[in-house]
Amino acid sequence: MNIKQFTLTAIFLSIILLFAFTPIGFIHLGVIKATLIHIPVIIGSIILGPKIGAFLGLAFGTTSVINNTLAPTLLSFAFSPAIPVLGTDRGSFMALVVAILPRVIIGILPYFFVKGFNRLITLKKIKEKTSLFLTGLVTTIIHTFLVMGAIAVVFYDAYAQAIDVSSVSGVIVAVFTVFLSNGIGEAIVAAFIVMTVVPPLLKISDQSKSK
């Protein structure tokens, strides 16, 4: 890693920490928190590659654990082993899987998504921006479903209790409701930011690699 790549990594990590520990990054929506922290993870993966993307995703997941421990909401038991699972008197270390694994995955995928979309899109004028837009959109959608799906599977009983439903269909409806209520908004915001921010950063990164 050269100096410019190291600097960019440090900048992305700083943004993640800023988002995580200020109201910017986690938006309280009652039962769950919407987030913007996945955006620097996506951008970092595209610019710096899947390994650094995975590291940034790990940082994101770790801040999620800390945030849900210090400022818990109704579903914080799914993100922090320090918060007792509903219906029990203790937390679960499976919360670390829910909080961290999906975030590491979304740090890996964007790098490959951009390459894949670039191959599929043939029009040069729209190739770069369209590929970046789709990468931000698809990665965010995957992130939402990975997190909510993991909660629904790993903490099914507690999640059902938290949202006051008693059937599998009710849990499925709740997951899709979260996706429709804040997942789509997160995806669109991420897509536009990624499409706007990445091109100039790619130029800086390419220049640093050529030196």
N, C-alpha and C. Protein backbone atom coordinates (compact mmCIF):
# COMPACT_ATOMS: atom_id res chain seq x y z
N MET A 1 0.84 -1.19 0.00
CA MET A 1 0.00 0.00 0.00
C MET A 1 0.88 1.24 0.00
N ASN A 2 0.68 2.15 -1.00
CA ASN A 2 1.47 3.38 -1.01
C ASN A 2 0.83 4.43 -0.12
N ILE A 3 1.48 5.59 -0.06
CA ILE A 3 1.05 6.62 0.89
C ILE A 3 -0.36 7.11 0.58
N LYS A 4 -0.67 7.32 -0.71
CA LYS A 4 -2.00 7.84 -1.05
C LYS A 4 -3.09 6.82 -0.74
N GLN A 5 -2.81 5.53 -1.01
CA GLN A 5 -3.80 4.50 -0.67
C GLN A 5 -3.99 4.41 0.84
N PHE A 6 -2.89 4.49 1.58
CA PHE A 6 -2.98 4.48 3.04
C PHE A 6 -3.79 5.67 3.54
N THR A 7 -3.55 6.82 2.92
CA THR A 7 -4.27 8.03 3.31
C THR A 7 -5.76 7.89 3.05
N LEU A 8 -6.12 7.36 1.86
CA LEU A 8 -7.53 7.16 1.54
C LEU A 8 -8.18 6.18 2.51
N THR A 9 -7.47 5.12 2.86
CA THR A 9 -8.00 4.16 3.83
C THR A 9 -8.27 4.84 5.17
N ALA A 10 -7.33 5.66 5.60
CA ALA A 10 -7.48 6.38 6.87
C ALA A 10 -8.67 7.35 6.81
N ILE A 11 -8.85 7.99 5.64
CA ILE A 11 -9.97 8.92 5.48
C ILE A 11 -11.30 8.18 5.55
N PHE A 12 -11.40 7.05 4.84
CA PHE A 12 -12.64 6.27 4.89
C PHE A 12 -12.92 5.77 6.31
N LEU A 13 -11.89 5.32 6.99
CA LEU A 13 -12.07 4.85 8.36
C LEU A 13 -12.52 5.99 9.26
N SER A 14 -11.96 7.17 9.06
CA SER A 14 -12.35 8.34 9.85
C SER A 14 -13.81 8.70 9.61
N ILE A 15 -14.25 8.61 8.35
CA ILE A 15 -15.64 8.91 8.02
C ILE A 15 -16.57 7.90 8.69
N ILE A 16 -16.17 6.62 8.67
CA ILE A 16 -16.97 5.59 9.33
C ILE A 16 -17.11 5.88 10.82
N LEU A 17 -16.01 6.24 11.46
CA LEU A 17 -16.05 6.54 12.89
C LEU A 17 -16.88 7.80 13.17
N LEU A 18 -16.75 8.81 12.30
CA LEU A 18 -17.54 10.03 12.46
C LEU A 18 -19.02 9.72 12.34
N PHE A 19 -19.39 8.96 11.32
CA PHE A 19 -20.78 8.59 11.13
C PHE A 19 -21.30 7.76 12.32
N ALA A 20 -20.44 6.85 12.80
CA ALA A 20 -20.88 5.90 13.83
C ALA A 20 -21.18 6.57 15.16
N PHE A 21 -20.40 7.59 15.49
CA PHE A 21 -20.51 8.16 16.83
C PHE A 21 -21.07 9.57 16.84
N THR A 22 -21.77 9.91 15.76
CA THR A 22 -22.56 11.14 15.69
C THR A 22 -23.93 10.77 15.12
N PRO A 23 -24.90 11.66 15.22
CA PRO A 23 -26.23 11.35 14.67
C PRO A 23 -26.26 11.18 13.15
N ILE A 24 -25.16 11.50 12.47
CA ILE A 24 -25.13 11.40 11.01
C ILE A 24 -25.31 9.97 10.53
N GLY A 25 -24.65 9.04 11.20
CA GLY A 25 -24.55 7.68 10.68
C GLY A 25 -25.71 6.76 10.98
N PHE A 26 -26.23 6.82 12.20
CA PHE A 26 -27.34 5.97 12.59
C PHE A 26 -28.57 6.84 12.83
N ILE A 27 -29.62 6.56 12.10
CA ILE A 27 -30.86 7.31 12.22
C ILE A 27 -31.88 6.44 12.94
N HIS A 28 -32.29 6.85 14.14
CA HIS A 28 -33.21 6.06 14.93
C HIS A 28 -34.61 6.07 14.31
N LEU A 29 -35.13 4.88 14.08
CA LEU A 29 -36.47 4.74 13.51
C LEU A 29 -37.38 3.95 14.45
N GLY A 30 -37.13 4.06 15.74
CA GLY A 30 -37.95 3.34 16.71
C GLY A 30 -37.41 1.95 16.96
N VAL A 31 -37.89 0.97 16.20
CA VAL A 31 -37.49 -0.42 16.40
C VAL A 31 -36.05 -0.65 15.94
N ILE A 32 -35.66 -0.02 14.84
CA ILE A 32 -34.33 -0.25 14.27
C ILE A 32 -33.71 1.08 13.87
N LYS A 33 -32.44 1.04 13.50
CA LYS A 33 -31.73 2.25 13.08
C LYS A 33 -31.38 2.14 11.60
N ALA A 34 -31.73 3.18 10.84
CA ALA A 34 -31.24 3.27 9.47
C ALA A 34 -29.80 3.76 9.52
N THR A 35 -29.04 3.46 8.47
CA THR A 35 -27.62 3.81 8.51
C THR A 35 -27.11 4.31 7.17
N LEU A 36 -26.10 5.17 7.24
CA LEU A 36 -25.40 5.65 6.05
C LEU A 36 -23.94 5.17 6.05
N ILE A 37 -23.56 4.41 7.09
CA ILE A 37 -22.15 4.05 7.25
C ILE A 37 -21.68 3.08 6.17
N HIS A 38 -22.62 2.38 5.55
CA HIS A 38 -22.22 1.44 4.50
C HIS A 38 -21.66 2.16 3.26
N ILE A 39 -21.98 3.45 3.11
CA ILE A 39 -21.56 4.17 1.90
C ILE A 39 -20.04 4.30 1.80
N PRO A 40 -19.32 4.76 2.85
CA PRO A 40 -17.86 4.79 2.72
C PRO A 40 -17.25 3.40 2.58
N VAL A 41 -17.93 2.37 3.09
CA VAL A 41 -17.44 1.00 2.90
C VAL A 41 -17.51 0.61 1.43
N ILE A 42 -18.64 0.93 0.78
CA ILE A 42 -18.81 0.64 -0.64
C ILE A 42 -17.77 1.38 -1.47
N ILE A 43 -17.62 2.67 -1.20
CA ILE A 43 -16.67 3.49 -1.96
C ILE A 43 -15.25 2.99 -1.75
N GLY A 44 -14.91 2.66 -0.50
CA GLY A 44 -13.57 2.17 -0.21
C GLY A 44 -13.26 0.87 -0.93
N SER A 45 -14.25 -0.01 -1.03
CA SER A 45 -14.06 -1.27 -1.75
C SER A 45 -13.79 -1.03 -3.23
N ILE A 46 -14.54 -0.12 -3.84
CA ILE A 46 -14.38 0.17 -5.26
C ILE A 46 -13.00 0.79 -5.53
N ILE A 47 -12.60 1.72 -4.67
CA ILE A 47 -11.36 2.46 -4.89
C ILE A 47 -10.13 1.64 -4.53
N LEU A 48 -10.21 0.93 -3.40
CA LEU A 48 -9.01 0.33 -2.82
C LEU A 48 -9.00 -1.19 -2.86
N GLY A 49 -10.09 -1.80 -3.31
CA GLY A 49 -10.10 -3.25 -3.46
C GLY A 49 -10.85 -3.97 -2.35
N PRO A 50 -11.11 -5.26 -2.55
CA PRO A 50 -11.95 -6.02 -1.62
C PRO A 50 -11.33 -6.25 -0.25
N LYS A 51 -9.99 -6.34 -0.16
CA LYS A 51 -9.37 -6.58 1.14
C LYS A 51 -9.55 -5.38 2.06
N ILE A 52 -9.27 -4.19 1.55
CA ILE A 52 -9.47 -3.00 2.36
C ILE A 52 -10.96 -2.75 2.57
N GLY A 53 -11.77 -3.09 1.56
CA GLY A 53 -13.22 -2.99 1.72
C GLY A 53 -13.70 -3.86 2.86
N ALA A 54 -13.18 -5.09 2.95
CA ALA A 54 -13.56 -5.99 4.05
C ALA A 54 -13.13 -5.42 5.39
N PHE A 55 -11.94 -4.80 5.43
CA PHE A 55 -11.47 -4.16 6.67
C PHE A 55 -12.40 -3.03 7.08
N LEU A 56 -12.80 -2.21 6.12
CA LEU A 56 -13.73 -1.10 6.41
C LEU A 56 -15.08 -1.64 6.86
N GLY A 57 -15.51 -2.75 6.23
CA GLY A 57 -16.76 -3.39 6.67
C GLY A 57 -16.66 -3.91 8.09
N LEU A 58 -15.50 -4.46 8.44
CA LEU A 58 -15.26 -4.91 9.82
C LEU A 58 -15.36 -3.74 10.79
N ALA A 59 -14.77 -2.60 10.38
CA ALA A 59 -14.85 -1.41 11.23
C ALA A 59 -16.29 -0.96 11.40
N PHE A 60 -17.07 -0.98 10.32
CA PHE A 60 -18.49 -0.64 10.36
C PHE A 60 -19.22 -1.55 11.33
N GLY A 61 -19.01 -2.86 11.20
CA GLY A 61 -19.68 -3.81 12.07
C GLY A 61 -19.31 -3.62 13.53
N THR A 62 -18.05 -3.32 13.78
CA THR A 62 -17.59 -3.11 15.15
C THR A 62 -18.25 -1.87 15.77
N THR A 63 -18.35 -0.80 14.97
CA THR A 63 -19.02 0.41 15.48
C THR A 63 -20.50 0.15 15.74
N SER A 64 -21.10 -0.75 14.95
CA SER A 64 -22.50 -1.10 15.18
C SER A 64 -22.67 -1.78 16.53
N VAL A 65 -21.73 -2.69 16.86
CA VAL A 65 -21.77 -3.36 18.16
C VAL A 65 -21.65 -2.35 19.29
N ILE A 66 -20.68 -1.44 19.16
CA ILE A 66 -20.45 -0.43 20.20
C ILE A 66 -21.66 0.48 20.33
N ASN A 67 -22.17 0.96 19.19
CA ASN A 67 -23.30 1.89 19.19
C ASN A 67 -24.53 1.27 19.84
N ASN A 68 -24.82 0.02 19.49
CA ASN A 68 -26.00 -0.64 20.05
C ASN A 68 -25.82 -1.01 21.51
N THR A 69 -24.58 -1.11 21.95
CA THR A 69 -24.32 -1.35 23.37
C THR A 69 -24.52 -0.09 24.19
N LEU A 70 -24.02 1.04 23.65
CA LEU A 70 -24.07 2.30 24.39
C LEU A 70 -25.42 3.01 24.27
N ALA A 71 -26.08 2.83 23.11
CA ALA A 71 -27.37 3.50 22.89
C ALA A 71 -28.37 2.49 22.33
N PRO A 72 -28.81 1.56 23.17
CA PRO A 72 -29.65 0.46 22.68
C PRO A 72 -31.05 0.89 22.26
N THR A 73 -31.57 0.17 21.27
CA THR A 73 -32.96 0.29 20.87
C THR A 73 -33.61 -1.08 21.09
N LEU A 74 -34.83 -1.24 20.62
CA LEU A 74 -35.56 -2.49 20.87
C LEU A 74 -34.88 -3.70 20.25
N LEU A 75 -34.17 -3.51 19.12
CA LEU A 75 -33.52 -4.63 18.45
C LEU A 75 -32.01 -4.69 18.68
N SER A 76 -31.50 -3.94 19.64
CA SER A 76 -30.06 -3.91 19.85
C SER A 76 -29.50 -5.26 20.32
N PHE A 77 -30.35 -6.12 20.85
CA PHE A 77 -29.89 -7.46 21.24
C PHE A 77 -29.35 -8.24 20.04
N ALA A 78 -29.79 -7.87 18.83
CA ALA A 78 -29.34 -8.55 17.62
C ALA A 78 -28.00 -8.04 17.12
N PHE A 79 -27.50 -6.96 17.72
CA PHE A 79 -26.24 -6.36 17.29
C PHE A 79 -25.18 -6.29 18.38
N SER A 80 -25.56 -6.58 19.60
CA SER A 80 -24.60 -6.51 20.71
C SER A 80 -24.83 -7.66 21.68
N PRO A 81 -23.78 -8.43 21.97
CA PRO A 81 -23.92 -9.52 22.94
C PRO A 81 -24.09 -9.02 24.37
N ALA A 82 -23.90 -7.72 24.58
CA ALA A 82 -24.06 -7.16 25.93
C ALA A 82 -25.52 -6.84 26.26
N ILE A 83 -26.39 -6.86 25.24
CA ILE A 83 -27.80 -6.56 25.45
C ILE A 83 -28.59 -7.87 25.54
N PRO A 84 -29.33 -8.08 26.62
CA PRO A 84 -30.09 -9.33 26.76
C PRO A 84 -31.10 -9.51 25.63
N VAL A 85 -31.15 -10.73 25.12
CA VAL A 85 -32.13 -11.07 24.09
C VAL A 85 -33.52 -11.06 24.72
N LEU A 86 -34.49 -10.51 24.02
CA LEU A 86 -35.85 -10.45 24.55
C LEU A 86 -36.31 -11.85 24.96
N GLY A 87 -36.89 -11.93 26.15
CA GLY A 87 -37.36 -13.21 26.66
C GLY A 87 -36.33 -13.97 27.45
N THR A 88 -35.08 -13.41 27.53
CA THR A 88 -34.01 -14.05 28.30
C THR A 88 -33.34 -13.00 29.19
N ASP A 89 -32.40 -13.47 29.99
CA ASP A 89 -31.67 -12.55 30.86
C ASP A 89 -30.21 -12.39 30.44
N ARG A 90 -29.88 -12.82 29.23
CA ARG A 90 -28.50 -12.72 28.76
C ARG A 90 -28.45 -12.42 27.26
N GLY A 91 -27.32 -11.88 26.85
CA GLY A 91 -27.11 -11.61 25.44
C GLY A 91 -26.60 -12.84 24.71
N SER A 92 -26.46 -12.70 23.40
CA SER A 92 -25.99 -13.81 22.57
C SER A 92 -24.80 -13.36 21.73
N PHE A 93 -23.76 -14.20 21.68
CA PHE A 93 -22.60 -13.87 20.85
C PHE A 93 -22.91 -13.99 19.36
N MET A 94 -24.07 -14.57 19.02
CA MET A 94 -24.50 -14.58 17.62
C MET A 94 -24.79 -13.17 17.12
N ALA A 95 -24.97 -12.24 18.06
CA ALA A 95 -25.16 -10.83 17.68
C ALA A 95 -23.95 -10.30 16.93
N LEU A 96 -22.76 -10.82 17.27
CA LEU A 96 -21.56 -10.39 16.57
C LEU A 96 -21.59 -10.81 15.11
N VAL A 97 -22.16 -11.98 14.84
CA VAL A 97 -22.30 -12.46 13.46
C VAL A 97 -23.24 -11.54 12.69
N VAL A 98 -24.37 -11.21 13.29
CA VAL A 98 -25.36 -10.35 12.64
C VAL A 98 -24.79 -8.95 12.39
N ALA A 99 -24.06 -8.43 13.37
CA ALA A 99 -23.55 -7.07 13.28
C ALA A 99 -22.36 -6.93 12.34
N ILE A 100 -21.53 -7.96 12.27
CA ILE A 100 -20.25 -7.82 11.57
C ILE A 100 -20.22 -8.51 10.21
N LEU A 101 -20.69 -9.76 10.11
CA LEU A 101 -20.54 -10.52 8.87
C LEU A 101 -21.16 -9.84 7.66
N PRO A 102 -22.41 -9.36 7.71
CA PRO A 102 -22.98 -8.68 6.52
C PRO A 102 -22.17 -7.46 6.10
N ARG A 103 -21.57 -6.78 7.07
CA ARG A 103 -20.81 -5.56 6.77
C ARG A 103 -19.48 -5.90 6.10
N VAL A 104 -18.86 -7.00 6.52
CA VAL A 104 -17.64 -7.45 5.85
C VAL A 104 -17.95 -7.86 4.41
N ILE A 105 -19.09 -8.54 4.22
CA ILE A 105 -19.49 -8.98 2.88
C ILE A 105 -19.70 -7.79 1.96
N ILE A 106 -20.37 -6.73 2.45
CA ILE A 106 -20.61 -5.58 1.58
C ILE A 106 -19.33 -4.76 1.36
N GLY A 107 -18.28 -5.08 2.10
CA GLY A 107 -16.99 -4.47 1.82
C GLY A 107 -16.25 -5.19 0.71
N ILE A 108 -16.65 -6.41 0.43
CA ILE A 108 -16.01 -7.22 -0.61
C ILE A 108 -16.73 -7.08 -1.95
N LEU A 109 -18.05 -7.10 -1.93
CA LEU A 109 -18.85 -7.19 -3.16
C LEU A 109 -18.70 -6.02 -4.13
N PRO A 110 -18.68 -4.75 -3.67
CA PRO A 110 -18.70 -3.63 -4.63
C PRO A 110 -17.57 -3.67 -5.65
N TYR A 111 -16.40 -4.06 -5.24
CA TYR A 111 -15.26 -4.12 -6.16
C TYR A 111 -15.58 -5.01 -7.36
N PHE A 112 -16.21 -6.15 -7.10
CA PHE A 112 -16.53 -7.10 -8.16
C PHE A 112 -17.79 -6.69 -8.92
N PHE A 113 -18.73 -6.05 -8.23
CA PHE A 113 -19.95 -5.59 -8.90
C PHE A 113 -19.62 -4.56 -9.98
N VAL A 114 -18.74 -3.61 -9.65
CA VAL A 114 -18.36 -2.59 -10.63
C VAL A 114 -17.75 -3.23 -11.86
N LYS A 115 -16.86 -4.18 -11.66
CA LYS A 115 -16.23 -4.87 -12.79
C LYS A 115 -17.27 -5.62 -13.62
N GLY A 116 -18.21 -6.27 -12.94
CA GLY A 116 -19.25 -7.01 -13.64
C GLY A 116 -20.17 -6.11 -14.43
N PHE A 117 -20.61 -5.01 -13.83
CA PHE A 117 -21.49 -4.08 -14.54
C PHE A 117 -20.77 -3.41 -15.70
N ASN A 118 -19.49 -3.14 -15.54
CA ASN A 118 -18.71 -2.55 -16.64
C ASN A 118 -18.65 -3.47 -17.86
N ARG A 119 -18.65 -4.76 -17.61
CA ARG A 119 -18.64 -5.72 -18.72
C ARG A 119 -20.01 -5.83 -19.38
N LEU A 120 -21.06 -5.66 -18.58
CA LEU A 120 -22.42 -5.79 -19.12
C LEU A 120 -22.87 -4.56 -19.89
N ILE A 121 -22.41 -3.39 -19.46
CA ILE A 121 -22.83 -2.13 -20.09
C ILE A 121 -21.85 -1.78 -21.21
N THR A 122 -22.36 -1.64 -22.40
CA THR A 122 -21.51 -1.43 -23.57
C THR A 122 -21.36 0.03 -23.98
N LEU A 123 -22.31 0.88 -23.61
CA LEU A 123 -22.24 2.29 -24.01
C LEU A 123 -21.22 3.02 -23.15
N LYS A 124 -20.16 3.51 -23.77
CA LYS A 124 -19.06 4.12 -23.03
C LYS A 124 -19.48 5.38 -22.28
N LYS A 125 -20.42 6.14 -22.87
CA LYS A 125 -20.82 7.41 -22.27
C LYS A 125 -21.47 7.23 -20.90
N ILE A 126 -22.18 6.13 -20.73
CA ILE A 126 -22.90 5.92 -19.47
C ILE A 126 -22.32 4.79 -18.63
N LYS A 127 -21.29 4.12 -19.14
CA LYS A 127 -20.78 2.92 -18.49
C LYS A 127 -20.35 3.17 -17.04
N GLU A 128 -19.44 4.13 -16.84
CA GLU A 128 -18.88 4.33 -15.51
C GLU A 128 -19.94 4.73 -14.49
N LYS A 129 -20.70 5.77 -14.79
CA LYS A 129 -21.67 6.26 -13.81
C LYS A 129 -22.79 5.25 -13.57
N THR A 130 -23.23 4.58 -14.64
CA THR A 130 -24.28 3.59 -14.47
C THR A 130 -23.80 2.41 -13.63
N SER A 131 -22.58 1.96 -13.88
CA SER A 131 -22.00 0.86 -13.11
C SER A 131 -21.90 1.23 -11.63
N LEU A 132 -21.45 2.44 -11.37
CA LEU A 132 -21.32 2.90 -9.98
C LEU A 132 -22.68 3.05 -9.32
N PHE A 133 -23.64 3.61 -10.05
CA PHE A 133 -24.99 3.76 -9.51
C PHE A 133 -25.57 2.40 -9.14
N LEU A 134 -25.49 1.45 -10.06
CA LEU A 134 -26.04 0.12 -9.81
C LEU A 134 -25.31 -0.59 -8.67
N THR A 135 -24.01 -0.38 -8.58
CA THR A 135 -23.25 -0.99 -7.50
C THR A 135 -23.70 -0.47 -6.14
N GLY A 136 -23.84 0.85 -6.02
CA GLY A 136 -24.34 1.42 -4.77
C GLY A 136 -25.73 0.94 -4.43
N LEU A 137 -26.58 0.86 -5.45
CA LEU A 137 -27.97 0.43 -5.24
C LEU A 137 -28.05 -1.03 -4.81
N VAL A 138 -27.42 -1.90 -5.59
CA VAL A 138 -27.52 -3.34 -5.34
C VAL A 138 -26.84 -3.72 -4.03
N THR A 139 -25.67 -3.15 -3.78
CA THR A 139 -24.95 -3.49 -2.54
C THR A 139 -25.76 -3.10 -1.31
N THR A 140 -26.39 -1.94 -1.35
CA THR A 140 -27.19 -1.49 -0.21
C THR A 140 -28.41 -2.39 -0.01
N ILE A 141 -29.05 -2.79 -1.10
CA ILE A 141 -30.18 -3.71 -0.99
C ILE A 141 -29.73 -5.04 -0.37
N ILE A 142 -28.60 -5.55 -0.82
CA ILE A 142 -28.06 -6.79 -0.26
C ILE A 142 -27.76 -6.62 1.22
N HIS A 143 -27.18 -5.49 1.57
CA HIS A 143 -26.87 -5.21 2.98
C HIS A 143 -28.12 -5.26 3.84
N THR A 144 -29.18 -4.60 3.38
CA THR A 144 -30.43 -4.58 4.14
C THR A 144 -30.98 -5.98 4.33
N PHE A 145 -31.02 -6.77 3.27
CA PHE A 145 -31.58 -8.11 3.36
C PHE A 145 -30.68 -9.04 4.17
N LEU A 146 -29.36 -8.88 4.08
CA LEU A 146 -28.47 -9.71 4.89
C LEU A 146 -28.67 -9.44 6.38
N VAL A 147 -28.74 -8.17 6.73
CA VAL A 147 -28.90 -7.81 8.15
C VAL A 147 -30.28 -8.24 8.66
N MET A 148 -31.32 -7.84 7.95
CA MET A 148 -32.67 -8.18 8.42
C MET A 148 -32.93 -9.68 8.34
N GLY A 149 -32.42 -10.32 7.30
CA GLY A 149 -32.57 -11.77 7.18
C GLY A 149 -31.87 -12.50 8.30
N ALA A 150 -30.65 -12.04 8.65
CA ALA A 150 -29.91 -12.66 9.74
C ALA A 150 -30.64 -12.49 11.07
N ILE A 151 -31.20 -11.31 11.30
CA ILE A 151 -31.97 -11.09 12.53
C ILE A 151 -33.16 -12.04 12.58
N ALA A 152 -33.89 -12.13 11.47
CA ALA A 152 -35.10 -12.95 11.43
C ALA A 152 -34.79 -14.43 11.62
N VAL A 153 -33.63 -14.88 11.13
CA VAL A 153 -33.27 -16.30 11.24
C VAL A 153 -32.64 -16.60 12.60
N VAL A 154 -31.63 -15.81 12.99
CA VAL A 154 -30.88 -16.10 14.22
C VAL A 154 -31.69 -15.78 15.47
N PHE A 155 -32.46 -14.71 15.42
CA PHE A 155 -33.23 -14.27 16.60
C PHE A 155 -34.73 -14.28 16.30
N TYR A 156 -35.19 -15.34 15.68
CA TYR A 156 -36.59 -15.37 15.22
C TYR A 156 -37.56 -15.08 16.36
N ASP A 157 -37.48 -15.82 17.45
CA ASP A 157 -38.44 -15.66 18.55
C ASP A 157 -38.39 -14.26 19.15
N ALA A 158 -37.17 -13.78 19.40
CA ALA A 158 -37.03 -12.46 20.01
C ALA A 158 -37.49 -11.36 19.05
N TYR A 159 -37.18 -11.54 17.76
CA TYR A 159 -37.60 -10.55 16.77
C TYR A 159 -39.12 -10.51 16.66
N ALA A 160 -39.73 -11.70 16.64
CA ALA A 160 -41.19 -11.77 16.57
C ALA A 160 -41.81 -11.08 17.79
N GLN A 161 -41.20 -11.28 18.95
CA GLN A 161 -41.69 -10.64 20.16
C GLN A 161 -41.52 -9.12 20.08
N ALA A 162 -40.39 -8.69 19.55
CA ALA A 162 -40.10 -7.25 19.47
C ALA A 162 -41.09 -6.52 18.57
N ILE A 163 -41.49 -7.17 17.48
CA ILE A 163 -42.41 -6.52 16.54
C ILE A 163 -43.85 -6.97 16.77
N ASP A 164 -44.06 -7.80 17.79
CA ASP A 164 -45.39 -8.23 18.21
C ASP A 164 -46.15 -8.97 17.11
N VAL A 165 -45.50 -10.00 16.57
CA VAL A 165 -46.16 -10.90 15.62
C VAL A 165 -45.96 -12.33 16.11
N SER A 166 -46.78 -13.24 15.61
CA SER A 166 -46.74 -14.61 16.12
C SER A 166 -46.64 -15.65 15.01
N SER A 167 -46.36 -15.22 13.77
CA SER A 167 -46.32 -16.16 12.66
C SER A 167 -45.11 -15.87 11.77
N VAL A 168 -44.72 -16.89 11.01
CA VAL A 168 -43.61 -16.72 10.06
C VAL A 168 -43.95 -15.66 9.03
N SER A 169 -45.19 -15.68 8.56
CA SER A 169 -45.60 -14.69 7.56
C SER A 169 -45.51 -13.27 8.11
N GLY A 170 -45.81 -13.12 9.40
CA GLY A 170 -45.72 -11.81 10.02
C GLY A 170 -44.29 -11.30 10.07
N VAL A 171 -43.35 -12.20 10.35
CA VAL A 171 -41.94 -11.83 10.37
C VAL A 171 -41.47 -11.45 8.97
N ILE A 172 -41.88 -12.22 7.97
CA ILE A 172 -41.50 -11.92 6.58
C ILE A 172 -42.03 -10.56 6.16
N VAL A 173 -43.28 -10.29 6.51
CA VAL A 173 -43.88 -8.99 6.20
C VAL A 173 -43.09 -7.87 6.88
N ALA A 174 -42.69 -8.10 8.11
CA ALA A 174 -41.94 -7.08 8.86
C ALA A 174 -40.60 -6.79 8.19
N VAL A 175 -39.92 -7.85 7.73
CA VAL A 175 -38.63 -7.67 7.06
C VAL A 175 -38.80 -6.84 5.80
N PHE A 176 -39.83 -7.17 5.00
CA PHE A 176 -40.07 -6.41 3.77
C PHE A 176 -40.54 -4.99 4.07
N THR A 177 -41.22 -4.80 5.18
CA THR A 177 -41.65 -3.45 5.56
C THR A 177 -40.45 -2.57 5.87
N VAL A 178 -39.48 -3.14 6.60
CA VAL A 178 -38.24 -2.40 6.88
C VAL A 178 -37.53 -2.05 5.59
N PHE A 179 -37.48 -3.02 4.67
CA PHE A 179 -36.83 -2.77 3.39
C PHE A 179 -37.51 -1.64 2.63
N LEU A 180 -38.84 -1.68 2.58
CA LEU A 180 -39.58 -0.67 1.83
C LEU A 180 -39.55 0.69 2.52
N SER A 181 -39.52 0.69 3.86
CA SER A 181 -39.60 1.96 4.59
C SER A 181 -38.27 2.70 4.63
N ASN A 182 -37.15 1.96 4.80
CA ASN A 182 -35.88 2.67 4.83
C ASN A 182 -34.80 2.05 3.94
N GLY A 183 -34.96 0.79 3.56
CA GLY A 183 -33.96 0.15 2.72
C GLY A 183 -33.86 0.76 1.34
N ILE A 184 -35.00 1.06 0.73
CA ILE A 184 -34.98 1.65 -0.61
C ILE A 184 -34.38 3.06 -0.56
N GLY A 185 -34.76 3.82 0.48
CA GLY A 185 -34.20 5.16 0.62
C GLY A 185 -32.69 5.13 0.78
N GLU A 186 -32.20 4.21 1.63
CA GLU A 186 -30.76 4.05 1.81
C GLU A 186 -30.08 3.70 0.49
N ALA A 187 -30.72 2.81 -0.28
CA ALA A 187 -30.13 2.34 -1.54
C ALA A 187 -30.02 3.46 -2.56
N ILE A 188 -31.05 4.28 -2.68
CA ILE A 188 -31.04 5.37 -3.64
C ILE A 188 -30.01 6.42 -3.26
N VAL A 189 -29.96 6.77 -1.96
CA VAL A 189 -28.96 7.74 -1.49
C VAL A 189 -27.55 7.23 -1.76
N ALA A 190 -27.32 5.95 -1.43
CA ALA A 190 -26.00 5.36 -1.65
C ALA A 190 -25.63 5.36 -3.12
N ALA A 191 -26.59 5.02 -3.97
CA ALA A 191 -26.32 4.96 -5.41
C ALA A 191 -25.87 6.31 -5.96
N PHE A 192 -26.55 7.38 -5.59
CA PHE A 192 -26.20 8.71 -6.09
C PHE A 192 -24.86 9.18 -5.52
N ILE A 193 -24.60 8.91 -4.25
CA ILE A 193 -23.33 9.34 -3.65
C ILE A 193 -22.16 8.58 -4.27
N VAL A 194 -22.31 7.27 -4.43
CA VAL A 194 -21.26 6.45 -5.03
C VAL A 194 -20.98 6.92 -6.46
N MET A 195 -22.03 7.16 -7.23
CA MET A 195 -21.89 7.61 -8.61
C MET A 195 -21.18 8.96 -8.70
N THR A 196 -21.38 9.82 -7.70
CA THR A 196 -20.82 11.17 -7.73
C THR A 196 -19.39 11.23 -7.19
N VAL A 197 -19.15 10.49 -6.11
CA VAL A 197 -17.89 10.61 -5.38
C VAL A 197 -16.78 9.75 -5.97
N VAL A 198 -17.11 8.57 -6.47
CA VAL A 198 -16.08 7.61 -6.87
C VAL A 198 -15.21 8.08 -8.06
N PRO A 199 -15.78 8.64 -9.16
CA PRO A 199 -14.94 8.99 -10.31
C PRO A 199 -13.72 9.84 -9.99
N PRO A 200 -13.86 10.96 -9.24
CA PRO A 200 -12.65 11.73 -8.93
C PRO A 200 -11.68 10.98 -8.02
N LEU A 201 -12.20 10.15 -7.11
CA LEU A 201 -11.33 9.38 -6.24
C LEU A 201 -10.57 8.30 -7.01
N LEU A 202 -11.23 7.73 -8.03
CA LEU A 202 -10.57 6.74 -8.87
C LEU A 202 -9.39 7.36 -9.61
N LYS A 203 -9.55 8.61 -10.05
CA LYS A 203 -8.45 9.29 -10.73
C LYS A 203 -7.26 9.49 -9.80
N ILE A 204 -7.55 9.88 -8.56
CA ILE A 204 -6.48 10.06 -7.58
C ILE A 204 -5.78 8.74 -7.31
N SER A 205 -6.60 7.67 -7.14
CA SER A 205 -6.03 6.35 -6.86
C SER A 205 -5.20 5.84 -8.02
N ASP A 206 -5.70 6.04 -9.25
CA ASP A 206 -4.95 5.59 -10.44
C ASP A 206 -3.64 6.33 -10.58
N GLN A 207 -3.66 7.63 -10.26
CA GLN A 207 -2.43 8.42 -10.33
C GLN A 207 -1.42 7.94 -9.31
N SER A 208 -1.91 7.56 -8.13
CA SER A 208 -1.00 7.10 -7.07
C SER A 208 -0.38 5.75 -7.43
N LYS A 209 -1.15 4.92 -8.15
CA LYS A 209 -0.63 3.60 -8.53
C LYS A 209 0.44 3.71 -9.62
N SER A 210 0.33 4.76 -10.44
CA SER A 210 1.26 4.92 -11.56
C SER A 210 2.59 5.52 -11.12
N LYS A 211 2.65 5.99 -9.88
CA LYS A 211 3.89 6.62 -9.41
C LYS A 211 4.80 5.61 -8.71
